[in-house]
N, C-alpha and C. Protein backbone atom coordinates (compact mmCIF):
# COMPACT_ATOMS: atom_id res chain seq x y z
N MET A 1 70.47 80.89 150.69
CA MET A 1 69.33 81.86 150.36
C MET A 1 70.04 83.24 150.04
N ASN A 2 69.73 83.97 149.01
CA ASN A 2 70.11 85.15 148.51
C ASN A 2 69.52 86.24 149.49
N THR A 3 70.40 87.08 150.18
CA THR A 3 69.73 87.93 151.37
C THR A 3 69.93 89.38 150.98
N THR A 4 70.58 89.54 149.46
CA THR A 4 71.12 90.81 149.06
C THR A 4 70.11 91.95 148.76
N ASN A 5 68.73 91.62 148.64
CA ASN A 5 67.78 92.08 148.44
C ASN A 5 66.96 92.61 149.71
N TYR A 6 67.33 92.45 150.81
CA TYR A 6 66.64 92.84 152.01
C TYR A 6 67.18 93.73 152.82
N ASP A 7 66.40 94.79 153.25
CA ASP A 7 67.06 95.61 154.05
C ASP A 7 67.39 95.21 155.63
N PRO A 8 68.06 95.92 156.40
CA PRO A 8 68.43 95.44 157.76
C PRO A 8 67.15 94.99 158.50
N GLU A 9 66.02 95.51 158.46
CA GLU A 9 64.96 95.01 159.42
C GLU A 9 64.34 93.81 158.78
N GLU A 10 64.52 93.68 157.52
CA GLU A 10 64.00 92.20 157.08
C GLU A 10 65.01 91.18 157.24
N LEU A 11 66.19 91.53 157.35
CA LEU A 11 67.25 90.46 157.64
C LEU A 11 67.06 90.13 158.97
N GLU A 12 66.98 90.95 160.05
CA GLU A 12 66.57 90.88 161.41
C GLU A 12 65.40 89.63 161.55
N ILE A 13 64.45 90.06 160.77
CA ILE A 13 63.21 89.26 161.13
C ILE A 13 63.60 87.76 160.44
N LEU A 14 64.27 87.69 159.26
CA LEU A 14 64.56 86.45 158.67
C LEU A 14 65.38 85.76 159.47
N GLU A 15 66.51 86.47 160.14
CA GLU A 15 67.37 85.59 161.22
C GLU A 15 66.41 84.99 162.59
N TYR A 16 65.66 85.93 162.84
CA TYR A 16 64.82 85.69 164.16
C TYR A 16 64.04 84.37 163.62
N ILE A 17 63.24 84.36 162.61
CA ILE A 17 62.51 83.02 162.14
C ILE A 17 63.45 81.88 161.86
N GLU A 18 64.67 81.98 161.12
CA GLU A 18 65.42 80.76 160.90
C GLU A 18 66.07 80.27 162.07
N ASN A 19 66.25 81.12 163.15
CA ASN A 19 66.91 80.58 164.36
C ASN A 19 65.72 79.85 165.36
N GLY A 20 64.49 79.72 164.78
CA GLY A 20 63.67 79.14 165.65
C GLY A 20 63.13 79.85 167.08
N SER A 21 63.45 81.16 166.96
CA SER A 21 62.91 82.19 168.10
C SER A 21 61.46 82.29 168.26
N PRO A 22 60.74 82.33 167.19
CA PRO A 22 59.20 82.61 167.38
C PRO A 22 58.52 81.24 168.04
N GLN A 23 57.66 81.99 168.81
CA GLN A 23 56.83 80.78 169.88
C GLN A 23 55.40 81.17 169.33
N CYS A 24 54.72 79.60 169.36
CA CYS A 24 53.32 79.60 169.05
C CYS A 24 52.56 80.14 170.25
N VAL A 25 51.43 80.83 169.87
CA VAL A 25 50.47 81.04 170.97
C VAL A 25 49.46 80.00 171.04
N PRO A 26 49.09 79.55 172.06
CA PRO A 26 48.32 78.30 172.17
C PRO A 26 47.05 78.59 171.76
N ASP A 27 46.33 79.64 172.00
CA ASP A 27 44.91 80.01 171.40
C ASP A 27 45.08 81.54 170.84
N ILE A 28 45.43 81.40 169.58
CA ILE A 28 45.54 82.74 168.82
C ILE A 28 44.38 83.46 168.89
N ALA A 29 43.02 82.84 168.67
CA ALA A 29 41.91 83.71 168.52
C ALA A 29 41.62 84.34 169.75
N GLU A 30 41.77 83.51 171.03
CA GLU A 30 41.61 84.21 172.30
C GLU A 30 42.64 85.39 172.56
N GLU A 31 43.69 85.10 172.22
CA GLU A 31 44.72 86.28 172.53
C GLU A 31 44.46 87.50 171.52
N ILE A 32 44.14 87.25 170.32
CA ILE A 32 43.72 88.59 169.57
C ILE A 32 42.52 89.26 170.17
N GLN A 33 41.34 88.49 170.58
CA GLN A 33 40.33 89.03 171.36
C GLN A 33 40.82 89.80 172.71
N ARG A 34 41.58 89.19 173.28
CA ARG A 34 41.96 89.91 174.66
C ARG A 34 42.82 91.25 174.21
N MET A 35 43.55 91.14 173.16
CA MET A 35 44.27 92.44 172.80
C MET A 35 43.41 93.51 172.41
N ARG A 36 42.31 93.12 171.60
CA ARG A 36 41.40 94.11 170.78
C ARG A 36 40.78 94.53 172.15
N LEU A 37 40.19 93.88 172.91
CA LEU A 37 39.31 94.57 174.28
C LEU A 37 40.43 95.43 175.04
N SER A 38 41.57 95.08 175.14
CA SER A 38 42.59 96.00 176.04
C SER A 38 42.79 97.30 175.25
N ILE A 39 43.03 97.37 173.98
CA ILE A 39 43.14 98.38 173.12
C ILE A 39 41.90 99.58 173.28
N ALA A 40 40.71 98.41 172.88
CA ALA A 40 39.46 99.49 172.96
C ALA A 40 39.23 100.10 174.28
N GLU A 41 39.60 99.37 175.52
CA GLU A 41 39.21 99.95 176.89
C GLU A 41 40.29 101.31 176.91
N LYS A 42 41.53 101.28 176.52
CA LYS A 42 42.40 102.22 176.47
C LYS A 42 41.97 103.64 175.51
N ILE A 43 41.41 103.31 174.39
CA ILE A 43 41.23 104.13 173.38
C ILE A 43 39.78 104.91 173.96
N THR A 44 38.94 104.25 174.32
CA THR A 44 37.57 104.84 174.74
C THR A 44 37.44 105.54 176.10
N LYS A 45 38.45 105.20 177.04
CA LYS A 45 38.23 105.80 178.33
C LYS A 45 38.92 107.34 178.41
N ARG A 46 37.90 108.12 178.00
CA ARG A 46 38.45 109.43 177.90
C ARG A 46 37.16 110.26 178.68
N LYS A 47 37.69 111.18 179.46
CA LYS A 47 36.66 111.96 180.17
C LYS A 47 36.90 113.55 179.98
N PRO A 48 35.79 114.22 179.61
CA PRO A 48 36.01 115.66 179.48
C PRO A 48 36.41 116.30 180.64
N VAL A 49 37.19 117.30 180.46
CA VAL A 49 37.84 118.26 181.60
C VAL A 49 37.62 119.67 181.21
N ASN A 50 37.21 120.26 182.22
CA ASN A 50 37.14 121.87 182.02
C ASN A 50 38.10 122.42 183.00
N LEU A 51 39.14 123.40 182.51
CA LEU A 51 40.02 123.91 183.07
C LEU A 51 40.22 125.57 182.91
N ARG A 52 40.79 126.19 183.65
CA ARG A 52 40.89 127.79 183.38
C ARG A 52 42.48 128.03 183.55
N ILE A 53 42.80 128.57 182.20
CA ILE A 53 44.12 128.86 182.01
C ILE A 53 44.14 130.22 181.48
N LEU A 54 45.40 130.85 181.63
CA LEU A 54 45.73 132.13 181.16
C LEU A 54 45.28 132.19 179.55
N GLU A 55 44.76 133.24 179.16
CA GLU A 55 44.31 133.60 177.78
C GLU A 55 45.66 133.49 176.94
N SER A 56 46.81 134.14 177.43
CA SER A 56 47.93 134.01 176.56
C SER A 56 48.66 132.57 176.48
N ASP A 57 48.47 131.74 177.59
CA ASP A 57 48.90 130.37 177.39
C ASP A 57 48.06 129.64 176.47
N LEU A 58 46.75 129.70 176.42
CA LEU A 58 46.03 129.22 175.39
C LEU A 58 46.21 129.51 174.15
N ALA A 59 46.58 130.76 173.83
CA ALA A 59 47.07 131.49 172.45
C ALA A 59 48.34 130.58 171.99
N LYS A 60 49.27 130.62 173.02
CA LYS A 60 50.33 129.80 172.54
C LYS A 60 50.09 128.31 172.33
N LEU A 61 49.26 127.56 172.94
CA LEU A 61 48.99 126.26 172.84
C LEU A 61 48.34 126.03 171.32
N LYS A 62 47.61 127.04 170.90
CA LYS A 62 46.63 126.95 169.88
C LYS A 62 47.87 127.31 168.70
N SER A 63 48.68 128.10 168.88
CA SER A 63 49.72 128.36 167.85
C SER A 63 50.66 127.08 167.66
N GLN A 64 50.98 126.51 168.77
CA GLN A 64 51.71 125.24 168.62
C GLN A 64 51.22 124.03 168.36
N ALA A 65 49.85 124.09 168.53
CA ALA A 65 49.08 122.84 167.80
C ALA A 65 48.82 123.13 166.25
N LEU A 66 48.64 124.33 165.96
CA LEU A 66 48.59 124.71 164.53
C LEU A 66 49.86 124.22 163.69
N GLN A 67 51.08 124.60 164.26
CA GLN A 67 52.26 124.21 163.53
C GLN A 67 52.49 122.86 163.53
N GLN A 68 51.81 121.86 164.35
CA GLN A 68 51.82 120.44 164.48
C GLN A 68 50.78 120.04 163.63
N GLY A 69 49.68 120.67 163.46
CA GLY A 69 48.89 120.13 162.51
C GLY A 69 47.72 119.43 163.30
N ILE A 70 47.64 119.61 164.56
CA ILE A 70 46.59 118.90 165.37
C ILE A 70 45.76 120.01 166.14
N PRO A 71 44.55 119.39 166.58
CA PRO A 71 43.79 120.27 167.44
C PRO A 71 44.31 120.55 168.74
N TYR A 72 44.10 121.94 169.24
CA TYR A 72 44.81 122.12 170.70
C TYR A 72 44.44 121.40 171.84
N GLN A 73 43.13 120.86 171.81
CA GLN A 73 42.70 120.12 172.63
C GLN A 73 43.61 118.72 172.96
N THR A 74 44.01 118.30 171.62
CA THR A 74 44.79 116.97 171.40
C THR A 74 46.03 117.46 172.09
N LEU A 75 46.65 118.37 171.69
CA LEU A 75 48.10 118.84 172.20
C LEU A 75 47.94 119.12 173.71
N ILE A 76 46.87 119.79 174.38
CA ILE A 76 46.75 119.72 175.87
C ILE A 76 46.84 118.18 176.20
N GLY A 77 45.93 117.23 175.83
CA GLY A 77 45.75 116.09 176.28
C GLY A 77 47.18 115.16 176.28
N SER A 78 47.87 115.43 175.03
CA SER A 78 49.20 114.91 174.83
C SER A 78 50.24 115.33 175.99
N ILE A 79 50.33 116.56 176.32
CA ILE A 79 51.10 116.93 177.16
C ILE A 79 50.84 116.63 178.52
N LEU A 80 49.54 116.40 178.93
CA LEU A 80 49.28 116.00 180.21
C LEU A 80 49.34 114.50 180.31
N HIS A 81 49.09 113.77 179.31
CA HIS A 81 49.46 112.39 179.50
C HIS A 81 50.97 111.95 179.44
N ARG A 82 51.75 112.85 178.76
CA ARG A 82 53.36 112.47 178.80
C ARG A 82 53.74 112.98 180.28
N TYR A 83 53.30 114.07 180.99
CA TYR A 83 53.51 114.66 182.26
C TYR A 83 53.27 113.43 183.38
N VAL A 84 52.11 112.79 183.25
CA VAL A 84 51.61 112.01 184.18
C VAL A 84 52.48 110.69 184.20
N ASN A 85 52.93 110.26 182.96
CA ASN A 85 53.51 109.10 182.77
C ASN A 85 55.01 109.46 183.09
N GLY A 86 55.39 110.56 183.41
CA GLY A 86 56.96 110.62 183.75
C GLY A 86 57.87 111.12 182.42
N ASP A 87 57.26 111.20 181.45
CA ASP A 87 57.90 111.38 180.24
C ASP A 87 58.31 112.96 179.75
N LEU A 88 57.52 113.59 180.61
CA LEU A 88 57.83 114.97 180.47
C LEU A 88 58.00 115.77 181.69
N THR A 89 59.21 116.39 181.60
CA THR A 89 59.73 117.21 182.82
C THR A 89 60.00 118.54 182.40
N LYS A 90 60.23 119.38 183.54
CA LYS A 90 60.45 120.77 183.00
C LYS A 90 61.21 121.05 181.71
């Protein structure tokens, strides 16, 4: 098989398939439904929170969010999420 037209990622996938690595899922429809429900639960479980922060901190957050092209509430949520998951430290 001529593999000169494939990028490295495609070659890796091709090798994975040709080596017999893929495993069949016994009930694919059930697995897809389980994954959909899991994702839906994670996406929809949001709670509104009221908090008081310094006006200057809020101004900085809004400025940074504007630079990133996202709402400042999304930035705050992202920072909190990363912090509680240990991905954000001082």
